[in-house]
Every structure is written in C-alpha cells, then in structure tokens.
Amino acid sequence: MLHELETDYLIVGAGAVAWAFADEIIRQSRDLRVIVVDRRAKPGGHWNDAYRFVRLHQPAAYYGVNSEVLESGVEDLASGPKILAYYERVMEKLCATGRVSFYPQCEYEGEGRFRSLVTDELTYQVTVRCKTVDACYSKITVPSSSPPSYDVAEGVSLVPINGLSRLGRPWSRYVVIGAGKTGIDAVLYLLGRRVDPDRITWIVPNPTWMINRDLSFPEVAGRLISEFMRVLAEVENEDEMLLRGEERGWFFRLDESLWPTRYRCATVTRGELDQLRRVQHIVRLGRVSRIEASEIVLADGRLPTGKDILHIDCTADGLVKRSPRAVFDGDRITLQPLVHCQQIFSAALTAFIELKNSDDATKNSHSVPVPHPELPQDMVKGLLLGLSNQRRWLKPYFWWLMRSRLSIVRHISFFGKIRVLMAFVRWDKRIIQNSERFSEEGERAEPETVS
C-alpha cells in the first residue's frame, strides 16, 4: 500500500547530525515540517550499536541539539545509555510539536520514496516542498555492525568490543586489534577491570596522534583557541605545527620515538595516556589479514595465538574520510563537518544557514566542508579550512554563535571570548597566507595512498 506524505524537509538518517539539523529547523521557524527516516528502530544512529561502556570523547555541553541540554556538569562525558535516552527525549519533544514525524525501520529508496523494513505492505511517497537532507554521508560505523575485514578461522574466539561487557570468564590473554578510538577504549576498559597489562596485546597498525581532551573544556578553551591561532600563523609546515602542539601538551603520541602517520581526532586525557603506556606488548606489523587457529597473520609478520586467547575487534573505520560535496545543491542538502571534527555543531549551523539565505552560492560560500582527517597533515588543513569558514560567519551569524549551546564559543568566559576575537584581529592575515601556501604545497605534492 502506497501512502502519500508532504513535508518541507525530508531527513534521511536519525543519528546525531540529523536531529541537530531538525531541531534547528523547528527552532528557527513557525510552520516548517520535517520527516525523519531511519533503518534503525530508535533514534540515535550509531549509538544504538555502540558498546555499553562507551562515553563521549568531548564535553557533552557541545553535543546533541540546541534546544535540549545533555550535560549534567561542565566536564560531563555522557555515557552511551544516557545519550540514547537523550535522543529518545529529543525525538519525542520534536514530534510533540506536530511538525516532526519519525519513521523508524524504513529504507529510503530515493526520489522521496521509502518503505517499511517490517512489513511489505507499507511504502511511502513524500512530496518534499523544500529539501531532502542526507544525514548519512559522513556515516559512522562500529564493530558490532561491521564484520572484520580479515578472515577468521573456525574456533578462534573473536568478539567486537561490545563483547567485553558480557564476558563470562577470564581469558589467559586479550588481543586488541585496532588503534583508533575504539581500540583505545578497549585497552582502557581492560585496565580499568584490573587486567594485568602483561596479559594485553595491542595490535597497532600505524602510530597515531591523539588530542589532549583536558584542553577541550570551557575554562581553558578561550586561551587554547587564541594560542592555536598564533601557532597556525607562525608555523612553516604541518610537522612544525604538530611538534609545537606536542610541546604545549595539545597532542600526544603513544610512543615518542615514533612519528605518527595517522590522525583521526581521537582524544585522551594525560592520565589515560599514562594508562595506555602500561601496555608493553604492542605489535606494529601492519594490519591483520587473517587469524588462524595458532597464529595471527599480519601484513608484515605473524603473531602466535591460541584457544584461550580472546581477540577483540576494534577495526571498523568509525568515521570514513569522504570526498567533500557541495553542502547545498538545489533540492538536496548533504550534511558534512564545517569545522574540524565537529559534525554536530556543523549540522545545526547548516540548518541556520539554510533558513537565513536564499541562494546556494551564498550558502555554499559559508559552508565549505572540512573532511574528516586520516593523515597528520589533514589536521592542519582542517583547522585552516574551519577558520576560513568561521571568518565568514563572524558578521552574519555572530549572535547565533554566541547563543548556540553546540558552539564552544558560547561556553567560553567573557574574557575568553575577547581573547579569541583579539587573536582573529592579530593573526588572521598571516593565517590566510599560511592557508594559501599549504594549499599550494598540497597540490604540488604527490597524494599518499592510505591502506
């Protein structure tokens, strides 16, 4: 049976970016209507599949939607269950306005059409008056919903990180496969359960830069942003930026004797870094290609294993770097980060930009995508791109930035805000020059293949 619907905005996906966009559309209008469609049964996107002990890696004060508080304190890092309950509350609140409808367990087929995944008797055709919004382009994947990319022999004990909270017995050894945010969380979880670090093997295919999370809280953010801008204005290349950042405690590396070749926005505190460094059995033989009954085969070697060893898969590429698209393209909006590693804030601002401007050229000039990073040089380029966007926002969106709970600027003290504005005045021209120079050097350099 075909059901015909009408709406102003049809949002495909019901994760964090989708609700940030929908919430802002409702906040900034009186009569616009929104339909949200998702394959999952509940709102919250990948949080429905995440491991039970997951927590935000950034302050909850900057996460969620503008109309609903998530944080219980300035330094709150909300848990997965708390975030799921939050999005349930957000969905119910928005639907209660009569202007938002949520269609769970439905597959979007394109051209305004979606169908139920529960019964073949329900298909919907939507007349979209304004835009279709792709909230799945920067798709997040987690190990529980993504099978490993390597072969696993029969009888090998392998679980996604979710399995750690359901262990029924101790194992002689734990092998954590993957060095991103999920791998870090797995190692910290085991250490937090008092597993002897000598019983943990950590397969780290590539050394990675990590961000010091202690510096993301409001009381230090104003000083940090102004110092960041100064360093960005002064450095000659990306490596210098990373070294100066490391000297100031902005960035960490697990092994200071190795130069990291990856950067994915993972954050840790200095205390967590000290815990991670307790694990001495770190394997740097590239990616796993298969796990056999008695050994793990990696790109550059082999590692013994056995029946009483639990392997924990943490290899899902959580947030894949995608080629940037125009955010505004006719009757379509593709949600992407507009500042470095801040997808949620960017989605809410995209909705505001959509409503406050009439032509795509203006909207896109204020919405240059900042791709999620993979390599260290992507971090510097992302910061520069984000600052370029922020430069364009200062005049038309100043008060929105000051009032939005998803904007870090709102949470900075008055004197911190003054410090940031003064840094823009003092360093902006040199940052522009560096941005242009880095862009030219990047175009001349041979692209690096990421394996």
Protein backbone atom coordinates (compact mmCIF):
# COMPACT_ATOMS: atom_id res chain seq x y z
CA MET A 1 0.00 0.00 0.00
CA LEU A 2 1.39 3.40 -1.03
CA HIS A 3 0.95 6.26 1.45
CA GLU A 4 1.43 9.81 0.22
CA LEU A 5 3.03 12.34 2.56
CA GLU A 6 4.06 16.00 2.38
CA THR A 7 6.83 17.81 4.22
CA ASP A 8 9.23 20.72 3.90
CA TYR A 9 12.39 18.76 4.82
CA LEU A 10 12.88 15.02 4.42
CA ILE A 11 15.88 13.92 6.51
CA VAL A 12 17.45 10.57 5.68
CA GLY A 13 19.05 9.21 8.84
CA ALA A 14 18.20 9.64 12.53
CA GLY A 15 21.65 9.98 14.05
CA ALA A 16 23.14 12.92 15.91
CA VAL A 17 23.60 15.17 12.87
CA ALA A 18 20.03 14.54 11.70
CA TRP A 19 18.48 15.64 14.98
CA ALA A 20 20.78 18.66 15.28
CA PHE A 21 19.55 19.79 11.85
CA ALA A 22 15.87 19.00 12.51
CA ASP A 23 15.92 20.72 15.89
CA GLU A 24 17.32 23.92 14.42
CA ILE A 25 14.76 23.96 11.61
CA ILE A 26 11.96 23.75 14.19
CA ARG A 27 13.58 26.33 16.50
CA GLN A 28 14.07 28.89 13.74
CA SER A 29 10.65 28.59 12.07
CA ARG A 30 6.96 28.63 12.96
CA ASP A 31 5.39 26.31 10.43
CA LEU A 32 8.06 24.25 8.64
CA ARG A 33 7.58 20.49 8.83
CA VAL A 34 10.16 17.70 8.96
CA ILE A 35 10.07 13.94 8.29
CA VAL A 36 12.96 11.82 9.61
CA VAL A 37 13.53 8.32 8.17
CA ASP A 38 15.94 5.70 9.50
CA ARG A 39 16.66 1.97 9.22
CA ARG A 40 17.00 1.60 12.98
CA ALA A 41 14.12 1.15 15.41
CA LYS A 42 15.17 4.02 17.67
CA PRO A 43 16.68 7.49 17.23
CA GLY A 44 20.38 7.99 17.90
CA GLY A 45 22.07 6.43 14.87
CA HIS A 46 25.29 4.54 15.67
CA TRP A 47 24.75 4.99 19.41
CA ASN A 48 22.23 2.13 19.13
CA ASP A 49 25.06 -0.21 18.10
CA ALA A 50 27.86 1.13 20.30
CA TYR A 51 29.38 -0.75 23.22
CA ARG A 52 27.69 -0.26 26.58
CA PHE A 53 30.66 1.41 28.27
CA VAL A 54 31.25 3.98 25.51
CA ARG A 55 31.42 7.65 26.51
CA LEU A 56 31.72 10.86 24.57
CA HIS A 57 35.28 11.90 23.79
CA GLN A 58 34.31 15.57 24.05
CA PRO A 59 32.31 17.60 26.58
CA ALA A 60 28.59 16.81 26.48
CA ALA A 61 27.98 20.57 26.66
CA TYR A 62 28.78 20.79 22.93
CA TYR A 63 26.87 17.67 21.85
CA GLY A 64 23.26 16.92 20.95
CA VAL A 65 20.74 19.56 19.86
CA ASN A 66 20.42 23.24 20.67
CA SER A 67 17.04 23.02 22.40
CA GLU A 68 17.85 20.28 24.92
CA VAL A 69 20.65 20.10 27.49
CA LEU A 70 22.64 16.85 27.61
CA GLU A 71 25.36 17.67 30.11
CA SER A 72 24.98 17.30 33.87
CA GLY A 73 28.12 19.36 34.50
CA VAL A 74 30.85 21.27 32.70
CA GLU A 75 33.13 18.24 32.45
CA ASP A 76 30.45 15.63 31.77
CA LEU A 77 31.34 13.00 29.17
CA ALA A 78 27.94 11.43 28.66
CA SER A 79 27.64 7.63 28.53
CA GLY A 80 26.13 5.70 25.64
CA PRO A 81 22.90 4.79 27.53
CA LYS A 82 22.49 8.41 28.62
CA ILE A 83 22.88 9.61 25.01
CA LEU A 84 20.31 7.10 23.73
CA ALA A 85 17.83 8.25 26.38
CA TYR A 86 18.60 11.85 25.39
CA TYR A 87 17.77 11.26 21.71
CA GLU A 88 14.59 9.44 22.66
CA ARG A 89 13.64 12.54 24.63
CA VAL A 90 14.62 14.87 21.77
CA MET A 91 12.60 12.84 19.26
CA GLU A 92 9.51 12.84 21.48
CA LYS A 93 9.84 16.56 22.15
CA LEU A 94 10.12 17.45 18.46
CA CYS A 95 7.32 15.10 17.42
CA ALA A 96 5.11 16.66 20.11
CA THR A 97 5.25 19.96 18.20
CA GLY A 98 3.14 18.33 15.46
CA ARG A 99 5.71 19.42 12.90
CA VAL A 100 8.11 16.46 13.06
CA SER A 101 7.37 12.84 12.15
CA PHE A 102 9.78 9.96 12.72
CA TYR A 103 9.57 6.80 10.58
CA PRO A 104 11.82 4.10 12.12
CA GLN A 105 12.81 0.83 10.47
CA CYS A 106 12.29 2.23 6.99
CA GLU A 107 14.60 2.08 3.98
CA TYR A 108 14.98 5.23 1.88
CA GLU A 109 14.98 4.36 -1.84
CA GLY A 110 15.49 7.83 -3.34
CA GLU A 111 13.21 10.31 -5.08
CA GLY A 112 11.23 10.88 -1.88
CA ARG A 113 10.28 7.22 -1.55
CA PHE A 114 10.83 4.90 1.42
CA ARG A 115 9.46 1.52 2.53
CA SER A 116 8.96 -0.32 5.78
CA LEU A 117 11.52 -2.97 6.75
CA VAL A 118 8.92 -4.67 8.97
CA THR A 119 6.07 -5.24 6.52
CA ASP A 120 5.99 -5.21 2.73
CA GLU A 121 2.58 -3.58 2.84
CA LEU A 122 3.89 -0.11 3.68
CA THR A 123 5.56 2.16 1.14
CA TYR A 124 5.63 5.95 1.36
CA GLN A 125 5.96 8.63 -1.32
CA VAL A 126 6.86 12.06 0.04
CA THR A 127 6.28 15.37 -1.69
CA VAL A 128 9.18 17.49 -0.46
CA ARG A 129 8.47 21.21 -0.64
CA CYS A 130 11.97 22.39 0.29
CA LYS A 131 14.91 19.97 0.57
CA THR A 132 15.93 16.34 1.05
CA VAL A 133 18.69 16.19 3.65
CA ASP A 134 21.35 13.47 3.51
CA ALA A 135 22.34 12.91 7.14
CA CYS A 136 24.20 9.68 6.33
CA TYR A 137 27.03 10.95 4.12
CA SER A 138 29.53 11.09 6.99
CA LYS A 139 28.44 7.65 8.08
CA ILE A 140 29.75 6.26 11.37
CA THR A 141 30.35 2.53 11.64
CA VAL A 142 31.06 0.47 14.76
CA PRO A 143 32.50 -3.06 15.12
CA SER A 144 29.21 -4.62 16.26
CA SER A 145 27.55 -3.71 12.97
CA SER A 146 30.60 -4.19 10.71
CA PRO A 147 32.22 -7.60 10.28
CA PRO A 148 36.04 -7.64 10.41
CA SER A 149 37.84 -7.04 7.12
CA TYR A 150 40.10 -10.04 7.73
CA ASP A 151 39.44 -13.79 7.65
CA VAL A 152 38.89 -15.65 10.92
CA ALA A 153 39.36 -19.41 11.19
CA GLU A 154 36.72 -21.59 12.81
CA GLY A 155 37.20 -21.94 16.54
CA VAL A 156 39.00 -18.62 17.02
CA SER A 157 37.50 -16.55 19.85
CA LEU A 158 36.81 -13.12 18.36
CA VAL A 159 34.31 -10.54 19.62
CA PRO A 160 33.60 -6.91 18.80
CA ILE A 161 34.38 -4.50 21.62
CA ASN A 162 30.73 -4.83 22.73
CA GLY A 163 31.56 -8.36 23.91
CA LEU A 164 33.86 -7.10 26.67
CA SER A 165 30.93 -6.07 28.85
CA ARG A 166 29.42 -9.58 28.53
CA LEU A 167 32.42 -11.74 29.43
CA GLY A 168 31.52 -14.91 31.31
CA ARG A 169 35.04 -15.94 32.28
CA PRO A 170 38.63 -14.63 32.32
CA TRP A 171 40.98 -15.34 29.41
CA SER A 172 44.69 -16.03 29.55
CA ARG A 173 45.35 -13.17 27.16
CA TYR A 174 43.47 -10.37 25.42
CA VAL A 175 44.44 -9.20 21.93
CA VAL A 176 43.04 -5.78 20.99
CA ILE A 177 43.03 -5.27 17.23
CA GLY A 178 42.95 -1.62 16.16
CA ALA A 179 44.44 1.65 17.41
CA GLY A 180 41.64 4.17 16.92
CA LYS A 181 39.18 5.49 19.49
CA THR A 182 37.57 2.05 19.87
CA GLY A 183 40.90 0.30 20.40
CA ILE A 184 41.88 2.89 22.99
CA ASP A 185 38.59 2.36 24.81
CA ALA A 186 39.06 -1.43 24.77
CA VAL A 187 42.52 -1.21 26.33
CA LEU A 188 41.36 1.30 28.96
CA TYR A 189 38.35 -0.90 29.77
CA LEU A 190 40.55 -3.94 30.39
CA LEU A 191 42.98 -1.97 32.51
CA GLY A 192 40.06 -0.46 34.41
CA ARG A 193 38.91 -4.01 35.23
CA ARG A 194 42.39 -4.63 36.68
CA VAL A 195 43.60 -6.90 33.91
CA ASP A 196 47.40 -7.16 34.21
CA PRO A 197 48.86 -5.09 31.33
CA ASP A 198 51.22 -8.01 30.60
CA ARG A 199 48.13 -10.03 29.58
CA ILE A 200 47.15 -7.46 26.95
CA THR A 201 48.49 -7.47 23.39
CA TRP A 202 47.65 -4.39 21.35
CA ILE A 203 47.90 -4.56 17.57
CA VAL A 204 48.65 -1.02 16.38
CA PRO A 205 48.99 -0.93 12.57
CA ASN A 206 50.03 2.74 12.46
CA PRO A 207 51.25 5.17 15.14
CA THR A 208 48.64 7.87 15.69
CA TRP A 209 48.43 11.42 17.02
CA MET A 210 45.89 11.92 19.81
CA ILE A 211 44.30 15.12 21.15
CA ASN A 212 44.56 16.11 24.81
CA ARG A 213 40.92 16.06 25.91
CA ASP A 214 41.68 18.05 29.07
CA LEU A 215 42.04 21.14 26.85
CA SER A 216 38.53 20.88 25.37
CA PHE A 217 36.71 22.18 28.43
CA PRO A 218 35.40 25.77 28.54
CA GLU A 219 37.71 27.08 31.26
CA VAL A 220 40.77 26.63 29.02
CA ALA A 221 39.18 26.76 25.55
CA GLY A 222 39.49 30.53 25.08
CA ARG A 223 43.21 30.53 25.81
CA LEU A 224 43.73 27.40 23.72
CA ILE A 225 41.94 28.77 20.63
CA SER A 226 43.94 32.01 20.71
CA GLU A 227 47.22 30.09 21.12
CA PHE A 228 46.22 27.73 18.31
CA MET A 229 45.68 30.68 16.00
CA ARG A 230 49.07 32.14 16.88
CA VAL A 231 50.84 28.86 16.14
CA LEU A 232 48.91 28.39 12.89
CA ALA A 233 50.06 31.87 11.84
CA GLU A 234 53.71 31.17 12.66
CA VAL A 235 54.47 27.60 11.53
CA GLU A 236 56.22 26.79 8.28
CA ASN A 237 54.72 23.32 7.76
CA GLU A 238 52.40 20.71 9.23
CA ASP A 239 55.17 18.85 11.08
CA GLU A 240 56.16 22.03 12.94
CA MET A 241 52.54 22.54 13.94
CA LEU A 242 52.39 19.04 15.43
CA LEU A 243 55.70 19.37 17.26
CA ARG A 244 54.80 22.74 18.74
CA GLY A 245 51.42 21.38 19.70
CA GLU A 246 53.07 18.40 21.39
CA GLU A 247 55.42 20.70 23.31
CA ARG A 248 52.39 22.61 24.62
CA GLY A 249 50.56 19.42 25.58
CA TRP A 250 47.88 19.71 22.87
CA PHE A 251 48.78 16.44 21.14
CA PHE A 252 50.07 13.10 22.37
CA ARG A 253 51.70 10.07 20.81
CA LEU A 254 51.80 6.68 22.44
CA ASP A 255 55.48 6.15 21.66
CA GLU A 256 57.50 9.36 21.49
CA SER A 257 60.22 7.58 19.49
CA LEU A 258 57.85 7.02 16.55
CA TRP A 259 56.49 9.70 14.23
CA PRO A 260 52.72 9.10 13.83
CA THR A 261 51.37 8.54 10.33
CA ARG A 262 47.67 8.76 11.25
CA TYR A 263 45.37 11.27 12.91
CA ARG A 264 41.64 10.57 13.42
CA CYS A 265 40.57 13.08 16.13
CA ALA A 266 40.83 10.52 18.95
CA THR A 267 41.08 12.17 22.36
CA VAL A 268 42.61 11.03 25.65
CA THR A 269 43.48 12.67 28.93
CA ARG A 270 47.06 12.67 30.16
CA GLY A 271 46.02 10.15 32.82
CA GLU A 272 44.57 7.82 30.17
CA LEU A 273 47.76 8.15 28.13
CA ASP A 274 49.77 7.03 31.16
CA GLN A 275 47.47 4.01 31.48
CA LEU A 276 47.84 3.10 27.79
CA ARG A 277 51.62 3.24 28.12
CA ARG A 278 51.45 0.49 30.75
CA VAL A 279 50.77 -1.96 27.91
CA GLN A 280 54.20 -3.07 26.71
CA HIS A 281 53.23 -5.77 24.22
CA ILE A 282 52.38 -3.52 21.28
CA VAL A 283 52.56 -5.16 17.85
CA ARG A 284 53.49 -2.90 14.93
CA LEU A 285 53.40 -5.32 11.99
CA GLY A 286 50.69 -3.63 9.94
CA ARG A 287 47.08 -4.67 9.57
CA VAL A 288 45.69 -8.12 10.31
CA SER A 289 44.98 -10.13 7.16
CA ARG A 290 43.66 -13.29 8.87
CA ILE A 291 43.50 -15.06 12.21
CA GLU A 292 44.27 -18.75 12.14
CA ALA A 293 43.93 -21.27 14.96
CA SER A 294 47.54 -20.86 16.11
CA GLU A 295 48.68 -17.51 14.69
CA ILE A 296 47.63 -14.07 13.59
CA VAL A 297 48.84 -13.19 10.11
CA LEU A 298 49.64 -9.51 9.64
CA ALA A 299 50.87 -7.50 6.69
CA ASP A 300 54.49 -7.62 7.92
CA GLY A 301 54.70 -10.69 10.11
CA ARG A 302 52.99 -13.30 12.26
CA LEU A 303 51.94 -13.44 15.90
CA PRO A 304 51.26 -16.63 17.92
CA THR A 305 47.76 -17.10 19.30
CA GLY A 306 45.72 -19.91 20.81
CA LYS A 307 42.41 -21.25 22.11
CA ASP A 308 42.46 -19.45 25.46
CA ILE A 309 43.13 -16.04 23.90
CA LEU A 310 40.28 -13.58 23.30
CA HIS A 311 40.62 -11.35 20.25
CA ILE A 312 38.75 -8.03 20.37
CA ASP A 313 37.94 -6.47 17.00
CA CYS A 314 38.19 -2.66 17.02
CA THR A 315 38.94 -2.17 13.33
CA ALA A 316 35.71 -0.64 11.99
CA ASP A 317 36.55 2.64 10.26
CA GLY A 318 34.37 4.71 12.57
CA LEU A 319 34.20 7.88 10.51
CA VAL A 320 35.48 7.44 6.97
CA LYS A 321 37.07 10.36 5.18
CA ARG A 322 34.72 11.15 2.30
CA SER A 323 35.30 13.38 -0.70
CA PRO A 324 33.62 16.72 0.02
CA ARG A 325 30.40 17.62 -1.79
CA ALA A 326 28.58 20.91 -2.10
CA VAL A 327 26.50 21.11 1.07
CA PHE A 328 23.70 22.92 -0.77
CA ASP A 329 22.84 21.58 -4.20
CA GLY A 330 19.40 22.53 -5.48
CA ASP A 331 16.79 20.48 -3.66
CA ARG A 332 19.40 18.49 -1.71
CA ILE A 333 21.49 19.20 1.40
CA THR A 334 24.43 16.94 2.27
CA LEU A 335 25.43 17.36 5.91
CA GLN A 336 29.20 17.49 6.43
CA PRO A 337 31.59 18.97 9.02
CA LEU A 338 32.19 22.71 8.62
CA VAL A 339 34.79 22.85 11.37
CA HIS A 340 37.46 20.36 12.36
CA CYS A 341 35.93 17.19 13.89
CA GLN A 342 32.66 18.92 14.89
CA GLN A 343 29.89 17.27 12.89
CA ILE A 344 27.02 18.02 15.29
CA PHE A 345 27.63 21.75 15.62
CA SER A 346 28.06 21.88 11.84
CA ALA A 347 24.67 20.25 11.19
CA ALA A 348 22.83 22.76 13.38
CA LEU A 349 24.62 25.68 11.75
CA THR A 350 23.84 24.25 8.29
CA ALA A 351 20.13 24.41 9.14
CA PHE A 352 20.51 28.03 10.26
CA ILE A 353 22.42 28.94 7.08
CA GLU A 354 19.70 27.25 5.03
CA LEU A 355 16.96 29.40 6.57
CA LYS A 356 18.83 32.70 6.60
CA ASN A 357 19.99 32.78 2.96
CA SER A 358 18.14 32.45 -0.31
CA ASP A 359 20.73 31.26 -2.86
CA ASP A 360 23.02 28.24 -2.92
CA ALA A 361 26.09 30.29 -3.89
CA THR A 362 25.94 32.28 -0.65
CA LYS A 363 25.11 29.22 1.43
CA ASN A 364 27.99 27.20 -0.01
CA SER A 365 30.44 30.07 0.43
CA HIS A 366 29.63 29.87 4.15
CA SER A 367 29.71 26.06 4.24
CA VAL A 368 32.98 24.73 2.86
CA PRO A 369 33.20 21.06 4.00
CA VAL A 370 36.08 20.06 6.26
CA PRO A 371 36.68 16.32 5.56
CA HIS A 372 37.29 14.01 8.49
CA PRO A 373 41.07 13.54 8.78
CA GLU A 374 43.14 10.42 8.22
CA LEU A 375 46.69 11.78 7.99
CA PRO A 376 48.52 14.25 10.25
CA GLN A 377 48.56 16.90 7.53
CA ASP A 378 44.77 16.65 7.31
CA MET A 379 44.59 18.09 10.82
CA VAL A 380 46.34 21.34 9.88
CA LYS A 381 44.39 21.68 6.65
CA GLY A 382 41.15 21.00 8.52
CA LEU A 383 41.92 23.66 11.13
CA LEU A 384 42.69 26.19 8.42
CA LEU A 385 39.54 25.35 6.45
CA GLY A 386 37.45 25.62 9.59
CA LEU A 387 38.94 29.00 10.49
CA SER A 388 38.23 30.18 6.96
CA ASN A 389 34.56 29.25 7.43
CA GLN A 390 34.45 30.91 10.85
CA ARG A 391 35.85 34.10 9.37
CA ARG A 392 32.82 34.24 7.06
CA TRP A 393 30.41 33.54 9.93
CA LEU A 394 31.50 36.34 12.26
CA LYS A 395 29.27 39.02 10.77
CA PRO A 396 26.10 37.20 9.57
CA TYR A 397 25.92 34.56 12.33
CA PHE A 398 27.63 36.26 15.26
CA TRP A 399 24.68 36.12 17.66
CA TRP A 400 23.79 32.56 16.71
CA LEU A 401 27.36 31.50 17.56
CA MET A 402 27.16 33.33 20.88
CA ARG A 403 23.86 31.66 21.85
CA SER A 404 24.06 28.15 20.43
CA ARG A 405 24.78 25.51 23.10
CA LEU A 406 26.56 23.47 20.41
CA SER A 407 29.01 26.33 19.82
CA ILE A 408 32.07 26.18 22.06
CA VAL A 409 32.20 29.99 21.92
CA ARG A 410 29.02 30.24 23.96
CA HIS A 411 30.60 28.35 26.85
CA ILE A 412 33.81 30.39 26.97
CA SER A 413 34.05 33.12 29.59
CA PHE A 414 33.63 36.79 28.61
CA PHE A 415 37.37 37.40 28.78
CA GLY A 416 37.97 34.20 26.82
CA LYS A 417 35.70 35.49 24.06
CA ILE A 418 37.63 38.79 23.98
CA ARG A 419 40.87 36.84 23.75
CA VAL A 420 39.59 34.85 20.77
CA LEU A 421 38.38 37.97 18.96
CA MET A 422 41.72 39.69 19.54
CA ALA A 423 43.51 36.63 18.16
CA PHE A 424 41.41 36.89 14.98
CA VAL A 425 42.35 40.53 14.60
CA ARG A 426 46.05 39.92 15.24
CA TRP A 427 46.70 36.66 13.40
CA ASP A 428 44.03 36.38 10.73
CA LYS A 429 46.03 37.77 7.79
CA ARG A 430 49.00 35.52 8.47
CA ILE A 431 46.70 32.51 8.88
CA ILE A 432 45.18 33.28 5.47
CA GLN A 433 48.67 33.44 3.95
CA ASN A 434 49.62 30.11 5.55
CA SER A 435 46.38 28.55 4.38
CA GLU A 436 47.07 29.57 0.78
CA ARG A 437 50.68 28.38 0.99
CA PHE A 438 49.78 25.00 2.49
CA SER A 439 47.09 24.56 -0.15
CA GLU A 440 49.57 25.24 -2.96
CA GLU A 441 52.14 22.86 -1.45
CA GLY A 442 49.48 20.18 -1.09
CA GLU A 443 48.53 20.48 -4.75
CA ARG A 444 52.19 20.07 -5.80
CA ALA A 445 52.79 17.06 -3.53
CA GLU A 446 52.11 13.52 -4.66
CA PRO A 447 48.97 12.13 -2.95
CA GLU A 448 49.63 9.47 -0.30
CA THR A 449 47.80 6.18 -0.50
CA VAL A 450 46.08 5.19 2.73
CA SER A 451 45.95 1.45 3.35
